Amino acid sequence: MEEGKQQLKPFFRVMNTDLIGEKPIVQALLKIKGVGFSMASAICNTLNIPKNKKAGSLTDVDAKKIESLIKEAKDLPHWMLNRRFDEVSGETNHLTGSDLNFAVENDVKRLKKVKSYRGIRHAQGQPSRGQRTRSHFRHGRAVGVQKSKVGKSIAPAKETKK
């Protein structure tokens, strides 16, 4: 290998997530649960990391900088964070990974407990944001008429009319 080129690592570990080393850092950060495209772009802009730089070429120091920025989120605008004015603590922060899953699960449980409209819809397995239900959201249930049962029930009815 040439001396001027740095070897790419196949994986780049950030926030307990393995990022693919051959992807640009903006695309690789999308693998972290709770980090979207605008958040990944803001992270790169804040830390002055070129967006097209391969994730495998970054160092462990860069990984720690990215982690601390995501956890603390001081330098990012508050509208970009996913837990603004949290119901329990009242703080604004950004959750990722299993913390995000846990918070969403607790939010749904709270909605069910207070029996709000959204909580009732979640409990019934129905859409909670106004989507139509006539032709969608029919998971796992047989809907409609089955021809074999209809044919059997009609045939005896015709014989009895003689």
Protein backbone atom coordinates (compact mmCIF):
# COMPACT_ATOMS: atom_id res chain seq x y z
CA MET A 1 0.00 0.00 0.00
CA GLU A 2 1.19 3.55 -0.68
CA GLU A 3 2.54 5.60 2.19
CA GLY A 4 0.37 8.66 1.42
CA LYS A 5 -2.92 6.79 1.70
CA GLN A 6 -4.43 5.82 5.00
CA GLN A 7 -6.01 2.38 5.24
CA LEU A 8 -9.80 2.33 5.53
CA LYS A 9 -11.25 0.46 8.47
CA PRO A 10 -14.18 -1.78 7.46
CA PHE A 11 -16.24 -0.55 10.43
CA PHE A 12 -16.33 2.68 12.41
CA ARG A 13 -17.93 2.36 15.86
CA VAL A 14 -19.98 5.28 17.19
CA MET A 15 -22.74 5.20 19.85
CA ASN A 16 -22.59 1.37 20.11
CA THR A 17 -23.34 1.09 16.39
CA ASP A 18 -21.05 -0.26 13.68
CA LEU A 19 -20.96 2.16 10.76
CA ILE A 20 -19.85 0.90 7.34
CA GLY A 21 -16.35 2.25 6.72
CA GLU A 22 -16.63 2.59 2.94
CA LYS A 23 -19.61 4.97 3.03
CA PRO A 24 -19.30 8.74 3.34
CA ILE A 25 -19.67 9.83 6.97
CA VAL A 26 -23.02 11.59 6.34
CA GLN A 27 -24.56 8.39 4.99
CA ALA A 28 -22.90 6.17 7.58
CA LEU A 29 -24.27 8.22 10.52
CA LEU A 30 -27.82 7.44 9.33
CA LYS A 31 -27.33 3.91 10.65
CA ILE A 32 -27.55 5.24 14.24
CA LYS A 33 -31.13 5.12 15.49
CA GLY A 34 -32.22 8.69 16.22
CA VAL A 35 -29.87 10.34 13.71
CA GLY A 36 -31.49 11.48 10.47
CA PHE A 37 -30.07 13.18 7.41
CA SER A 38 -30.30 16.74 8.75
CA MET A 39 -28.80 15.70 12.10
CA ALA A 40 -25.91 13.89 10.35
CA SER A 41 -25.29 16.92 8.17
CA ALA A 42 -25.34 19.24 11.19
CA ILE A 43 -22.86 16.98 13.02
CA CYS A 44 -20.44 17.15 10.09
CA ASN A 45 -20.82 20.93 9.78
CA THR A 46 -20.35 21.53 13.51
CA LEU A 47 -17.24 19.33 13.77
CA ASN A 48 -15.79 20.54 10.42
CA ILE A 49 -15.69 17.01 8.99
CA PRO A 50 -15.99 16.85 5.20
CA LYS A 51 -19.31 15.15 4.39
CA ASN A 52 -17.84 13.00 1.62
CA LYS A 53 -14.98 11.70 3.79
CA LYS A 54 -15.15 7.92 4.25
CA ALA A 55 -16.26 6.79 7.70
CA GLY A 56 -13.44 4.23 7.88
CA SER A 57 -10.80 6.94 7.57
CA LEU A 58 -11.91 8.77 10.74
CA THR A 59 -10.01 8.29 13.99
CA ASP A 60 -11.15 7.28 17.46
CA VAL A 61 -10.84 10.93 18.53
CA ASP A 62 -13.37 11.86 15.84
CA ALA A 63 -15.67 9.10 17.10
CA LYS A 64 -15.53 10.51 20.63
CA LYS A 65 -16.25 14.02 19.33
CA ILE A 66 -19.27 12.75 17.39
CA GLU A 67 -20.56 10.82 20.42
CA SER A 68 -20.20 13.79 22.76
CA LEU A 69 -21.95 16.11 20.28
CA ILE A 70 -24.87 13.71 19.90
CA LYS A 71 -25.18 13.09 23.66
CA GLU A 72 -24.83 16.70 24.80
CA ALA A 73 -26.25 18.44 21.68
CA LYS A 74 -25.22 21.87 22.97
CA ASP A 75 -24.03 23.25 19.63
CA LEU A 76 -27.05 22.00 17.67
CA PRO A 77 -30.25 24.04 17.30
CA HIS A 78 -33.01 22.99 19.72
CA TRP A 79 -35.54 22.39 16.93
CA MET A 80 -33.35 19.59 15.60
CA LEU A 81 -33.46 17.53 18.79
CA ASN A 82 -35.99 14.73 19.21
CA ARG A 83 -36.98 15.27 22.88
CA ARG A 84 -37.90 18.93 23.25
CA PHE A 85 -39.39 19.85 26.63
CA ASP A 86 -39.63 16.28 27.88
CA GLU A 87 -42.83 15.57 29.85
CA VAL A 88 -41.01 14.00 32.79
CA SER A 89 -37.85 16.09 33.16
CA GLY A 90 -38.80 19.23 31.21
CA GLU A 91 -35.37 19.25 29.53
CA THR A 92 -34.52 19.35 25.85
CA ASN A 93 -32.16 16.59 24.75
CA HIS A 94 -31.53 14.14 21.93
CA LEU A 95 -32.01 10.40 22.47
CA THR A 96 -30.50 7.64 20.36
CA GLY A 97 -30.50 3.85 20.24
CA SER A 98 -32.14 1.92 23.06
CA ASP A 99 -32.82 5.11 25.05
CA LEU A 100 -35.01 6.33 22.20
CA ASN A 101 -36.85 3.00 22.00
CA PHE A 102 -37.45 3.06 25.77
CA ALA A 103 -38.74 6.66 25.73
CA VAL A 104 -41.15 6.02 22.85
CA GLU A 105 -42.43 2.86 24.55
CA ASN A 106 -43.04 4.79 27.79
CA ASP A 107 -44.81 7.58 25.89
CA VAL A 108 -47.22 5.09 24.30
CA LYS A 109 -47.83 3.41 27.69
CA ARG A 110 -48.60 6.81 29.23
CA LEU A 111 -51.06 7.62 26.44
CA LYS A 112 -52.81 4.27 26.97
CA LYS A 113 -52.92 4.78 30.73
CA VAL A 114 -54.61 8.20 30.53
CA LYS A 115 -56.92 6.83 27.81
CA SER A 116 -56.31 9.63 25.37
CA TYR A 117 -57.55 9.24 21.80
CA ARG A 118 -54.04 8.38 20.58
CA GLY A 119 -53.61 5.88 23.40
CA ILE A 120 -56.88 4.14 22.56
CA ARG A 121 -55.92 3.96 18.88
CA HIS A 122 -52.54 2.46 19.82
CA ALA A 123 -54.23 -0.12 22.06
CA GLN A 124 -56.61 -1.13 19.25
CA GLY A 125 -53.81 -1.35 16.69
CA GLN A 126 -55.42 1.39 14.59
CA PRO A 127 -53.64 4.37 12.99
CA SER A 128 -53.44 7.30 15.40
CA ARG A 129 -52.70 10.15 13.00
CA GLY A 130 -55.82 10.37 10.89
CA GLN A 131 -55.04 7.89 8.12
CA ARG A 132 -57.93 6.10 6.45
CA THR A 133 -58.86 2.65 7.70
CA ARG A 134 -61.31 1.42 5.09
CA SER A 135 -58.72 -0.03 2.77
CA HIS A 136 -55.53 -0.06 4.85
CA PHE A 137 -54.26 -1.30 8.22
CA ARG A 138 -55.86 -4.71 7.90
CA HIS A 139 -53.00 -6.85 9.15
CA GLY A 140 -53.44 -10.55 9.83
CA ARG A 141 -57.21 -10.74 9.50
CA ALA A 142 -59.17 -12.35 6.70
CA VAL A 143 -61.32 -9.66 5.12
CA GLY A 144 -63.89 -10.15 2.40
CA VAL A 145 -65.88 -13.11 1.16
CA GLN A 146 -64.40 -16.51 0.45
CA LYS A 147 -65.97 -18.09 -2.62
CA SER A 148 -65.86 -21.68 -1.38
CA LYS A 149 -68.00 -20.87 1.70
CA VAL A 150 -70.44 -18.75 -0.30
CA GLY A 151 -70.96 -21.50 -2.88
CA LYS A 152 -71.79 -24.10 -0.20
CA SER A 153 -74.25 -21.86 1.61
CA ILE A 154 -76.14 -20.87 -1.57
CA ALA A 155 -76.48 -24.39 -2.98
CA PRO A 156 -78.66 -25.84 -0.16
CA ALA A 157 -80.83 -22.73 -0.20
CA LYS A 158 -81.84 -23.31 -3.84
CA GLU A 159 -82.75 -26.96 -3.20
CA THR A 160 -85.16 -26.10 -0.40
CA LYS A 161 -87.23 -23.74 -2.58
CA LYS A 162 -88.78 -26.58 -4.68
